[in-house]
């Protein structure tokens, strides 16, 4: 994407990156290597305003930095969604698991995602077994059709249902069709 600077000269994204001060570039690359996309975009956007770098250009610049670093970016690992791993996590809880529940959550980094929870009694509580982001779900589903479901909902339904059946407890997902972090929770 080209952008016109104050003098009307077209500049490419690479030129805009090169025009940022070295300290800003170093800090932005540090954020990228830590997989902190929003912090990197915000830094470039704020430092680049005087150089006619808007939010969209800042996002493109950081996207290109991610591509530049590739596998060197320390991405947060996917939660395991296979039955053996989830079962091991559930059986490692000191309290008895009485249900498996999928609950929507969201943030500005990942958009909507699903937490897969083990619900316990004595003491009553919950333990997060997996956090299922869009990418995690797509990789776990390995091309399976999700129909109208968000991939995270489809993966949570598959993994949570299998775990609940394995443990002999109910599986609860109040809103698999629509992301809703206020959906009713499981009650015994």
N, C-alpha and C. Protein backbone atom coordinates (compact mmCIF):
# COMPACT_ATOMS: atom_id res chain seq x y z
N UNK A 1 0.85 -1.18 0.00
CA UNK A 1 0.00 0.00 0.00
C UNK A 1 0.89 1.24 0.00
N UNK A 2 0.54 2.18 -0.80
CA UNK A 2 1.28 3.45 -0.88
C UNK A 2 0.54 4.50 -0.06
N UNK A 3 1.29 5.46 0.44
CA UNK A 3 0.72 6.53 1.23
C UNK A 3 1.38 7.83 0.79
N UNK A 4 0.58 8.87 0.72
CA UNK A 4 1.13 10.17 0.34
C UNK A 4 1.54 10.91 1.61
N UNK A 5 2.79 11.32 1.66
CA UNK A 5 3.28 12.11 2.77
C UNK A 5 2.88 13.57 2.61
N UNK A 6 3.37 14.40 3.51
CA UNK A 6 3.01 15.82 3.50
C UNK A 6 3.39 16.50 2.18
N UNK A 7 4.44 16.05 1.54
CA UNK A 7 4.88 16.67 0.29
C UNK A 7 4.21 16.07 -0.92
N UNK A 8 3.31 15.12 -0.73
CA UNK A 8 2.58 14.51 -1.84
C UNK A 8 3.35 13.40 -2.53
N UNK A 9 4.50 13.02 -2.01
CA UNK A 9 5.32 11.96 -2.59
C UNK A 9 4.81 10.62 -2.05
N UNK A 10 4.64 9.66 -2.97
CA UNK A 10 4.17 8.35 -2.54
C UNK A 10 5.29 7.62 -1.81
N UNK A 11 4.90 7.02 -0.68
CA UNK A 11 5.85 6.22 0.11
C UNK A 11 5.25 4.85 0.34
N UNK A 12 6.05 3.83 0.25
CA UNK A 12 5.62 2.48 0.54
C UNK A 12 5.71 2.20 2.03
N UNK A 13 5.11 1.11 2.42
CA UNK A 13 5.14 0.69 3.83
C UNK A 13 6.58 0.50 4.30
N UNK A 14 7.41 -0.08 3.46
CA UNK A 14 8.82 -0.30 3.83
C UNK A 14 9.52 1.04 4.08
N UNK A 15 9.20 2.04 3.25
CA UNK A 15 9.80 3.37 3.44
C UNK A 15 9.34 3.98 4.75
N UNK A 16 8.06 3.82 5.06
CA UNK A 16 7.54 4.36 6.32
C UNK A 16 8.24 3.71 7.51
N UNK A 17 8.47 2.39 7.42
CA UNK A 17 9.17 1.69 8.49
C UNK A 17 10.58 2.25 8.63
N UNK A 18 11.27 2.42 7.51
CA UNK A 18 12.65 2.90 7.54
C UNK A 18 12.76 4.32 8.08
N UNK A 19 11.70 5.12 7.92
CA UNK A 19 11.73 6.51 8.38
C UNK A 19 11.50 6.65 9.89
N UNK A 20 11.03 5.58 10.53
CA UNK A 20 10.83 5.64 11.98
C UNK A 20 12.19 5.66 12.68
N UNK A 21 12.30 6.32 13.84
CA UNK A 21 13.57 6.31 14.57
C UNK A 21 14.00 4.89 14.92
N UNK A 22 15.29 4.67 14.98
CA UNK A 22 15.85 3.34 15.25
C UNK A 22 15.32 2.77 16.57
N UNK A 23 15.20 3.59 17.58
CA UNK A 23 14.71 3.11 18.87
C UNK A 23 13.28 2.59 18.79
N UNK A 24 12.45 3.27 18.01
CA UNK A 24 11.06 2.83 17.82
C UNK A 24 11.04 1.51 17.06
N UNK A 25 11.86 1.41 16.02
CA UNK A 25 11.92 0.16 15.24
C UNK A 25 12.39 -1.00 16.12
N UNK A 26 13.38 -0.76 16.96
CA UNK A 26 13.89 -1.81 17.85
C UNK A 26 12.83 -2.24 18.84
N UNK A 27 12.13 -1.29 19.43
CA UNK A 27 11.08 -1.63 20.40
C UNK A 27 9.92 -2.35 19.72
N UNK A 28 9.52 -1.89 18.55
CA UNK A 28 8.42 -2.55 17.82
C UNK A 28 8.81 -3.99 17.47
N UNK A 29 10.04 -4.20 17.00
CA UNK A 29 10.50 -5.56 16.71
C UNK A 29 10.51 -6.42 17.97
N UNK A 30 10.87 -5.83 19.09
CA UNK A 30 10.82 -6.57 20.36
C UNK A 30 9.41 -7.04 20.68
N UNK A 31 8.43 -6.15 20.47
CA UNK A 31 7.04 -6.54 20.68
C UNK A 31 6.62 -7.65 19.72
N UNK A 32 7.03 -7.53 18.46
CA UNK A 32 6.69 -8.55 17.47
C UNK A 32 7.27 -9.89 17.88
N UNK A 33 8.53 -9.92 18.27
CA UNK A 33 9.18 -11.17 18.66
C UNK A 33 8.52 -11.81 19.88
N UNK A 34 7.86 -10.99 20.71
CA UNK A 34 7.12 -11.49 21.87
C UNK A 34 5.66 -11.77 21.53
N UNK A 35 5.28 -11.63 20.26
CA UNK A 35 3.91 -11.83 19.77
C UNK A 35 2.94 -10.87 20.47
N UNK A 36 3.34 -9.63 20.60
CA UNK A 36 2.50 -8.60 21.22
C UNK A 36 2.09 -7.60 20.13
N UNK A 37 1.22 -8.08 19.26
CA UNK A 37 0.81 -7.34 18.06
C UNK A 37 0.26 -5.96 18.39
N UNK A 38 -0.71 -5.89 19.31
CA UNK A 38 -1.34 -4.60 19.58
C UNK A 38 -0.37 -3.57 20.14
N UNK A 39 0.54 -4.00 21.02
CA UNK A 39 1.52 -3.05 21.55
C UNK A 39 2.42 -2.53 20.44
N UNK A 40 2.81 -3.41 19.52
CA UNK A 40 3.67 -2.99 18.41
C UNK A 40 2.95 -2.01 17.50
N UNK A 41 1.70 -2.31 17.16
CA UNK A 41 0.92 -1.40 16.30
C UNK A 41 0.74 -0.05 16.98
N UNK A 42 0.39 -0.07 18.24
CA UNK A 42 0.17 1.19 18.96
C UNK A 42 1.45 2.05 18.97
N UNK A 43 2.59 1.41 19.24
CA UNK A 43 3.85 2.14 19.26
C UNK A 43 4.14 2.78 17.90
N UNK A 44 4.01 2.01 16.82
CA UNK A 44 4.30 2.54 15.48
C UNK A 44 3.30 3.63 15.11
N UNK A 45 2.06 3.42 15.44
CA UNK A 45 1.03 4.41 15.13
C UNK A 45 1.30 5.73 15.87
N UNK A 46 1.56 5.64 17.18
CA UNK A 46 1.79 6.85 17.96
C UNK A 46 3.07 7.56 17.53
N UNK A 47 4.13 6.79 17.31
CA UNK A 47 5.41 7.40 16.93
C UNK A 47 5.39 7.87 15.47
N UNK A 48 4.51 7.29 14.67
CA UNK A 48 4.49 7.62 13.25
C UNK A 48 3.48 8.66 12.83
N UNK A 49 2.68 9.16 13.76
CA UNK A 49 1.66 10.15 13.39
C UNK A 49 2.27 11.36 12.70
N UNK A 50 3.39 11.83 13.21
CA UNK A 50 4.04 13.01 12.62
C UNK A 50 4.61 12.69 11.24
N UNK A 51 4.75 11.41 10.92
CA UNK A 51 5.28 10.99 9.63
C UNK A 51 4.15 10.48 8.73
N UNK A 52 2.92 10.83 9.07
CA UNK A 52 1.74 10.48 8.28
C UNK A 52 1.48 8.97 8.22
N UNK A 53 1.78 8.28 9.33
CA UNK A 53 1.48 6.85 9.44
C UNK A 53 0.18 6.73 10.23
N UNK A 54 -0.85 6.26 9.55
CA UNK A 54 -2.14 6.04 10.20
C UNK A 54 -2.22 4.66 10.81
N UNK A 55 -3.36 4.37 11.42
CA UNK A 55 -3.55 3.08 12.07
C UNK A 55 -3.42 1.93 11.08
N UNK A 56 -4.04 2.08 9.92
CA UNK A 56 -3.97 1.00 8.91
C UNK A 56 -2.53 0.75 8.47
N UNK A 57 -1.78 1.81 8.24
CA UNK A 57 -0.38 1.66 7.84
C UNK A 57 0.43 1.02 8.96
N UNK A 58 0.15 1.40 10.20
CA UNK A 58 0.86 0.80 11.34
C UNK A 58 0.59 -0.71 11.40
N UNK A 59 -0.66 -1.10 11.17
CA UNK A 59 -1.00 -2.53 11.16
C UNK A 59 -0.26 -3.26 10.04
N UNK A 60 -0.20 -2.64 8.87
CA UNK A 60 0.50 -3.27 7.74
C UNK A 60 2.00 -3.38 8.01
N UNK A 61 2.56 -2.33 8.60
CA UNK A 61 3.99 -2.36 8.94
C UNK A 61 4.28 -3.52 9.88
N UNK A 62 3.48 -3.66 10.92
CA UNK A 62 3.72 -4.72 11.90
C UNK A 62 3.45 -6.10 11.28
N UNK A 63 2.46 -6.20 10.43
CA UNK A 63 2.22 -7.47 9.74
C UNK A 63 3.47 -7.88 8.95
N UNK A 64 4.07 -6.91 8.26
CA UNK A 64 5.29 -7.21 7.51
C UNK A 64 6.45 -7.60 8.42
N UNK A 65 6.50 -7.02 9.62
CA UNK A 65 7.55 -7.40 10.57
C UNK A 65 7.34 -8.84 11.04
N UNK A 66 6.07 -9.25 11.24
CA UNK A 66 5.78 -10.64 11.58
C UNK A 66 6.27 -11.56 10.47
N UNK A 67 5.99 -11.19 9.22
CA UNK A 67 6.44 -12.00 8.09
C UNK A 67 7.97 -12.04 8.03
N UNK A 68 8.60 -10.91 8.32
CA UNK A 68 10.06 -10.83 8.32
C UNK A 68 10.67 -11.81 9.33
N UNK A 69 10.11 -11.86 10.54
CA UNK A 69 10.67 -12.71 11.60
C UNK A 69 10.20 -14.16 11.52
N UNK A 70 9.05 -14.40 10.93
CA UNK A 70 8.56 -15.78 10.73
C UNK A 70 8.55 -16.61 11.99
N UNK A 71 9.28 -17.73 11.96
CA UNK A 71 9.29 -18.67 13.08
C UNK A 71 10.02 -18.15 14.31
N UNK A 72 10.69 -17.03 14.20
CA UNK A 72 11.39 -16.47 15.37
C UNK A 72 10.42 -15.82 16.35
N UNK A 73 9.18 -15.56 15.92
CA UNK A 73 8.18 -14.96 16.81
C UNK A 73 7.79 -16.02 17.85
N UNK A 74 7.88 -15.66 19.11
CA UNK A 74 7.57 -16.58 20.21
C UNK A 74 6.06 -16.61 20.44
N UNK A 75 5.38 -17.35 19.61
CA UNK A 75 3.93 -17.42 19.70
C UNK A 75 3.49 -18.25 20.90
N UNK A 76 2.35 -17.88 21.46
CA UNK A 76 1.77 -18.64 22.55
C UNK A 76 1.38 -20.01 22.00
N UNK A 77 1.81 -21.09 22.65
CA UNK A 77 1.48 -22.42 22.12
C UNK A 77 -0.01 -22.72 22.23
N UNK A 78 -0.51 -23.52 21.29
CA UNK A 78 -1.90 -23.95 21.33
C UNK A 78 -2.14 -24.84 22.54
N UNK A 79 -3.32 -24.73 23.12
CA UNK A 79 -3.74 -25.68 24.15
C UNK A 79 -3.99 -27.02 23.48
N UNK A 80 -3.58 -28.13 24.11
CA UNK A 80 -3.87 -29.42 23.51
C UNK A 80 -5.37 -29.72 23.60
N UNK A 81 -5.92 -30.28 22.53
CA UNK A 81 -7.35 -30.60 22.50
C UNK A 81 -7.59 -32.09 22.30
N UNK A 82 -6.54 -32.89 22.32
CA UNK A 82 -6.72 -34.33 22.18
C UNK A 82 -7.24 -34.91 23.50
N UNK A 83 -7.98 -35.99 23.41
CA UNK A 83 -8.63 -36.59 24.58
C UNK A 83 -7.63 -37.00 25.65
N UNK A 84 -6.50 -37.59 25.27
CA UNK A 84 -5.52 -38.02 26.27
C UNK A 84 -5.00 -36.84 27.10
N UNK A 85 -4.67 -35.74 26.43
CA UNK A 85 -4.14 -34.57 27.15
C UNK A 85 -5.21 -33.94 28.04
N UNK A 86 -6.41 -33.74 27.50
CA UNK A 86 -7.48 -33.15 28.30
C UNK A 86 -7.84 -34.04 29.49
N UNK A 87 -7.86 -35.34 29.27
CA UNK A 87 -8.16 -36.28 30.34
C UNK A 87 -7.09 -36.21 31.43
N UNK A 88 -5.83 -36.16 31.03
CA UNK A 88 -4.74 -36.06 32.01
C UNK A 88 -4.87 -34.79 32.84
N UNK A 89 -5.21 -33.68 32.19
CA UNK A 89 -5.39 -32.42 32.92
C UNK A 89 -6.57 -32.51 33.88
N UNK A 90 -7.68 -33.08 33.43
CA UNK A 90 -8.88 -33.19 34.27
C UNK A 90 -8.64 -34.13 35.45
N UNK A 91 -7.97 -35.24 35.20
CA UNK A 91 -7.73 -36.21 36.27
C UNK A 91 -6.68 -35.72 37.26
N UNK A 92 -5.90 -34.71 36.86
CA UNK A 92 -4.90 -34.13 37.75
C UNK A 92 -5.48 -33.11 38.73
N UNK A 93 -6.74 -32.79 38.58
CA UNK A 93 -7.38 -31.83 39.49
C UNK A 93 -7.67 -32.55 40.81
N UNK A 94 -7.39 -31.91 41.92
CA UNK A 94 -7.54 -32.54 43.24
C UNK A 94 -9.00 -32.71 43.66
N UNK A 95 -9.89 -32.00 43.02
CA UNK A 95 -11.31 -32.10 43.34
C UNK A 95 -12.01 -32.92 42.27
N UNK A 96 -13.15 -33.47 42.59
CA UNK A 96 -13.90 -34.30 41.63
C UNK A 96 -14.50 -33.42 40.54
N UNK A 97 -14.29 -33.82 39.28
CA UNK A 97 -14.87 -33.12 38.14
C UNK A 97 -16.31 -33.59 37.99
N UNK A 98 -17.25 -32.62 37.99
CA UNK A 98 -18.68 -32.97 37.90
C UNK A 98 -19.29 -32.56 36.56
N UNK A 99 -18.57 -31.78 35.78
CA UNK A 99 -19.05 -31.38 34.45
C UNK A 99 -17.89 -30.79 33.66
N UNK A 100 -18.06 -30.77 32.35
CA UNK A 100 -17.14 -30.08 31.45
C UNK A 100 -17.97 -28.99 30.78
N UNK A 101 -17.44 -27.78 30.76
CA UNK A 101 -18.21 -26.66 30.23
C UNK A 101 -17.36 -25.85 29.25
N UNK A 102 -18.00 -25.39 28.19
CA UNK A 102 -17.38 -24.48 27.23
C UNK A 102 -18.00 -23.10 27.44
N UNK A 103 -17.14 -22.09 27.59
CA UNK A 103 -17.59 -20.73 27.90
C UNK A 103 -16.89 -19.75 26.96
N UNK A 104 -17.67 -18.89 26.33
CA UNK A 104 -17.12 -17.85 25.46
C UNK A 104 -16.39 -16.79 26.26
N UNK A 105 -15.35 -16.24 25.66
CA UNK A 105 -14.65 -15.08 26.19
C UNK A 105 -14.10 -14.33 24.99
N UNK A 106 -13.55 -13.18 25.21
CA UNK A 106 -13.00 -12.41 24.11
C UNK A 106 -12.12 -11.31 24.60
N UNK A 107 -11.25 -10.85 23.72
CA UNK A 107 -10.41 -9.69 24.03
C UNK A 107 -10.03 -9.01 22.73
N UNK A 108 -9.30 -7.93 22.84
CA UNK A 108 -8.96 -7.16 21.66
C UNK A 108 -7.84 -7.79 20.84
N UNK A 109 -7.14 -8.76 21.40
CA UNK A 109 -6.06 -9.41 20.68
C UNK A 109 -6.59 -10.59 19.86
N UNK A 110 -7.43 -11.42 20.48
CA UNK A 110 -7.86 -12.67 19.86
C UNK A 110 -9.29 -12.66 19.34
N UNK A 111 -10.04 -11.59 19.58
CA UNK A 111 -11.46 -11.58 19.25
C UNK A 111 -12.15 -12.61 20.15
N UNK A 112 -13.11 -13.37 19.62
CA UNK A 112 -13.82 -14.37 20.42
C UNK A 112 -13.02 -15.66 20.50
N UNK A 113 -13.06 -16.30 21.68
CA UNK A 113 -12.45 -17.61 21.87
C UNK A 113 -13.26 -18.35 22.92
N UNK A 114 -12.99 -19.63 23.09
CA UNK A 114 -13.73 -20.47 24.03
C UNK A 114 -12.77 -21.06 25.05
N UNK A 115 -13.15 -20.99 26.32
CA UNK A 115 -12.41 -21.66 27.39
C UNK A 115 -13.13 -22.97 27.69
N UNK A 116 -12.38 -24.05 27.73
CA UNK A 116 -12.92 -25.36 28.09
C UNK A 116 -12.59 -25.59 29.55
N UNK A 117 -13.63 -25.71 30.37
CA UNK A 117 -13.47 -25.76 31.83
C UNK A 117 -13.87 -27.10 32.41
N UNK A 118 -13.17 -27.51 33.45
CA UNK A 118 -13.59 -28.63 34.29
C UNK A 118 -14.27 -28.00 35.50
N UNK A 119 -15.54 -28.36 35.72
CA UNK A 119 -16.29 -27.85 36.87
C UNK A 119 -16.14 -28.87 38.00
N UNK A 120 -15.78 -28.39 39.18
CA UNK A 120 -15.51 -29.28 40.31
C UNK A 120 -16.44 -29.01 41.48
N UNK A 121 -16.49 -30.00 42.37
CA UNK A 121 -17.20 -29.80 43.64
C UNK A 121 -16.24 -30.15 44.77
N UNK A 122 -16.55 -29.67 45.95
CA UNK A 122 -15.80 -29.99 47.18
C UNK A 122 -14.29 -29.82 47.04
N UNK A 123 -13.78 -28.64 46.87
CA UNK A 123 -14.50 -27.37 46.84
C UNK A 123 -15.05 -27.08 45.44
N UNK A 124 -16.14 -26.35 45.44
CA UNK A 124 -16.76 -25.94 44.18
C UNK A 124 -15.82 -24.98 43.46
N UNK A 125 -15.66 -25.17 42.18
CA UNK A 125 -14.79 -24.29 41.41
C UNK A 125 -14.71 -24.72 39.97
N UNK A 126 -13.74 -24.17 39.28
CA UNK A 126 -13.52 -24.50 37.88
C UNK A 126 -12.04 -24.39 37.59
N UNK A 127 -11.60 -25.19 36.63
CA UNK A 127 -10.21 -25.17 36.19
C UNK A 127 -10.23 -25.12 34.68
N UNK A 128 -9.51 -24.15 34.11
CA UNK A 128 -9.42 -24.04 32.66
C UNK A 128 -8.49 -25.14 32.13
N UNK A 129 -9.04 -25.98 31.27
CA UNK A 129 -8.25 -27.06 30.67
C UNK A 129 -7.64 -26.64 29.33
N UNK A 130 -8.32 -25.76 28.62
CA UNK A 130 -7.83 -25.31 27.31
C UNK A 130 -8.48 -23.99 26.94
N UNK A 131 -7.73 -23.16 26.25
CA UNK A 131 -8.25 -21.95 25.65
C UNK A 131 -8.17 -22.15 24.14
N UNK A 132 -9.32 -22.01 23.50
CA UNK A 132 -9.42 -22.35 22.08
C UNK A 132 -9.63 -21.09 21.26
N UNK A 133 -8.53 -20.61 20.67
CA UNK A 133 -8.57 -19.45 19.80
C UNK A 133 -8.92 -19.92 18.38
N UNK A 134 -9.21 -18.99 17.50
CA UNK A 134 -9.56 -19.30 16.11
C UNK A 134 -8.49 -20.21 15.50
N UNK A 135 -7.23 -19.80 15.55
CA UNK A 135 -6.15 -20.58 14.94
C UNK A 135 -5.99 -21.95 15.57
N UNK A 136 -6.10 -22.01 16.89
CA UNK A 136 -6.03 -23.29 17.60
C UNK A 136 -7.11 -24.23 17.07
N UNK A 137 -8.32 -23.69 16.93
CA UNK A 137 -9.46 -24.49 16.47
C UNK A 137 -9.25 -24.98 15.04
N UNK A 138 -8.81 -24.10 14.16
CA UNK A 138 -8.60 -24.47 12.76
C UNK A 138 -7.57 -25.60 12.67
N UNK A 139 -6.49 -25.47 13.43
CA UNK A 139 -5.46 -26.52 13.39
C UNK A 139 -6.00 -27.83 13.98
N UNK A 140 -6.77 -27.76 15.06
CA UNK A 140 -7.31 -28.97 15.69
C UNK A 140 -8.35 -29.65 14.82
N UNK A 141 -9.14 -28.87 14.12
CA UNK A 141 -10.21 -29.44 13.28
C UNK A 141 -9.66 -30.00 11.97
N UNK A 142 -8.47 -29.57 11.60
CA UNK A 142 -7.77 -30.11 10.43
C UNK A 142 -8.65 -30.18 9.19
N UNK A 143 -9.30 -29.08 8.87
CA UNK A 143 -10.10 -29.00 7.65
C UNK A 143 -11.53 -29.50 7.77
N UNK A 144 -11.92 -29.98 8.94
CA UNK A 144 -13.30 -30.46 9.11
C UNK A 144 -14.27 -29.29 8.97
N UNK A 145 -15.41 -29.57 8.37
CA UNK A 145 -16.44 -28.54 8.17
C UNK A 145 -17.06 -28.19 9.52
N UNK A 146 -17.11 -26.90 9.82
CA UNK A 146 -17.71 -26.45 11.08
C UNK A 146 -19.16 -26.04 10.90
N UNK A 147 -19.65 -26.08 9.66
CA UNK A 147 -21.01 -25.62 9.42
C UNK A 147 -21.12 -24.16 9.78
N UNK A 148 -22.21 -23.77 10.43
CA UNK A 148 -22.38 -22.36 10.79
C UNK A 148 -21.61 -21.95 12.05
N UNK A 149 -20.99 -22.92 12.72
CA UNK A 149 -20.31 -22.62 13.99
C UNK A 149 -18.98 -21.90 13.79
N UNK A 150 -18.67 -21.01 14.70
CA UNK A 150 -17.35 -20.43 14.82
C UNK A 150 -16.39 -21.61 15.03
N UNK A 151 -15.21 -21.61 14.41
CA UNK A 151 -14.30 -22.75 14.59
C UNK A 151 -14.00 -23.08 16.06
N UNK A 152 -13.87 -22.05 16.91
CA UNK A 152 -13.60 -22.32 18.32
C UNK A 152 -14.76 -23.05 18.97
N UNK A 153 -15.99 -22.73 18.58
CA UNK A 153 -17.16 -23.42 19.13
C UNK A 153 -17.20 -24.87 18.65
N UNK A 154 -16.89 -25.08 17.38
CA UNK A 154 -16.88 -26.45 16.85
C UNK A 154 -15.82 -27.30 17.53
N UNK A 155 -14.62 -26.75 17.71
CA UNK A 155 -13.54 -27.49 18.37
C UNK A 155 -13.86 -27.75 19.83
N UNK A 156 -14.45 -26.75 20.50
CA UNK A 156 -14.81 -26.92 21.92
C UNK A 156 -15.89 -27.98 22.08
N UNK A 157 -16.86 -27.97 21.18
CA UNK A 157 -17.93 -28.97 21.23
C UNK A 157 -17.37 -30.37 21.02
N UNK A 158 -16.50 -30.51 20.04
CA UNK A 158 -15.90 -31.82 19.77
C UNK A 158 -15.05 -32.30 20.96
N UNK A 159 -14.10 -31.47 21.39
CA UNK A 159 -13.18 -31.87 22.45
C UNK A 159 -13.89 -31.98 23.80
N UNK A 160 -14.74 -31.00 24.11
CA UNK A 160 -15.44 -31.02 25.39
C UNK A 160 -16.42 -32.16 25.50
N UNK A 161 -17.14 -32.42 24.41
CA UNK A 161 -18.09 -33.54 24.41
C UNK A 161 -17.39 -34.87 24.60
N UNK A 162 -16.25 -35.06 23.91
CA UNK A 162 -15.49 -36.31 24.04
C UNK A 162 -14.96 -36.47 25.46
N UNK A 163 -14.43 -35.38 26.04
CA UNK A 163 -13.90 -35.46 27.41
C UNK A 163 -15.01 -35.77 28.40
N UNK A 164 -16.14 -35.09 28.28
CA UNK A 164 -17.26 -35.33 29.20
C UNK A 164 -17.72 -36.78 29.11
N UNK A 165 -17.83 -37.30 27.91
CA UNK A 165 -18.24 -38.71 27.75
C UNK A 165 -17.20 -39.64 28.38
N UNK A 166 -15.94 -39.33 28.18
CA UNK A 166 -14.86 -40.15 28.75
C UNK A 166 -14.91 -40.14 30.29
N UNK A 167 -15.21 -38.98 30.86
CA UNK A 167 -15.27 -38.85 32.33
C UNK A 167 -16.61 -39.27 32.91
N UNK A 168 -17.62 -39.44 32.05
CA UNK A 168 -18.95 -39.79 32.51
C UNK A 168 -19.66 -38.65 33.22
N UNK A 169 -19.43 -37.41 32.72
CA UNK A 169 -20.06 -36.22 33.31
C UNK A 169 -20.77 -35.45 32.20
N UNK A 170 -21.66 -34.52 32.55
CA UNK A 170 -22.33 -33.72 31.52
C UNK A 170 -21.38 -32.73 30.84
N UNK A 171 -21.73 -32.43 29.59
CA UNK A 171 -21.04 -31.35 28.86
C UNK A 171 -22.04 -30.23 28.66
N UNK A 172 -21.61 -29.00 28.94
CA UNK A 172 -22.51 -27.84 28.83
C UNK A 172 -21.84 -26.76 27.99
N UNK A 173 -22.56 -26.30 26.98
CA UNK A 173 -22.13 -25.16 26.16
C UNK A 173 -23.41 -24.39 25.85
N UNK A 174 -23.66 -23.33 26.61
CA UNK A 174 -24.93 -22.62 26.55
C UNK A 174 -25.17 -21.91 25.21
N UNK A 175 -24.10 -21.51 24.53
CA UNK A 175 -24.30 -20.71 23.33
C UNK A 175 -23.31 -21.09 22.23
N UNK A 176 -23.36 -22.32 21.72
CA UNK A 176 -22.38 -22.71 20.70
C UNK A 176 -22.58 -21.98 19.37
N UNK A 177 -23.80 -21.53 19.09
CA UNK A 177 -24.10 -20.91 17.80
C UNK A 177 -23.70 -19.44 17.71
N UNK A 178 -23.64 -18.77 18.86
CA UNK A 178 -23.38 -17.33 18.88
C UNK A 178 -22.45 -16.99 20.04
N UNK A 179 -21.33 -16.31 19.77
CA UNK A 179 -20.46 -15.89 20.87
C UNK A 179 -21.25 -15.03 21.88
N UNK A 180 -21.21 -15.44 23.14
CA UNK A 180 -21.95 -14.75 24.20
C UNK A 180 -21.26 -15.03 25.52
N UNK A 181 -20.50 -14.04 26.01
CA UNK A 181 -19.80 -14.25 27.27
C UNK A 181 -20.70 -14.06 28.48
N UNK A 182 -21.99 -13.81 28.25
CA UNK A 182 -22.96 -13.70 29.34
C UNK A 182 -23.97 -14.84 29.34
N UNK A 183 -23.71 -15.89 28.55
CA UNK A 183 -24.62 -17.02 28.48
C UNK A 183 -24.71 -17.72 29.83
N UNK A 184 -25.85 -18.36 30.12
CA UNK A 184 -26.00 -19.04 31.42
C UNK A 184 -24.93 -20.12 31.61
N UNK A 185 -24.44 -20.20 32.83
CA UNK A 185 -23.41 -21.18 33.18
C UNK A 185 -24.07 -22.48 33.65
N UNK A 186 -23.27 -23.53 33.70
CA UNK A 186 -23.74 -24.85 34.14
C UNK A 186 -24.09 -24.81 35.62
N UNK A 187 -25.16 -25.45 35.95
CA UNK A 187 -25.60 -25.60 37.35
C UNK A 187 -25.91 -27.06 37.59
N UNK A 188 -25.48 -27.60 38.72
CA UNK A 188 -25.77 -29.02 39.02
C UNK A 188 -27.25 -29.24 39.23
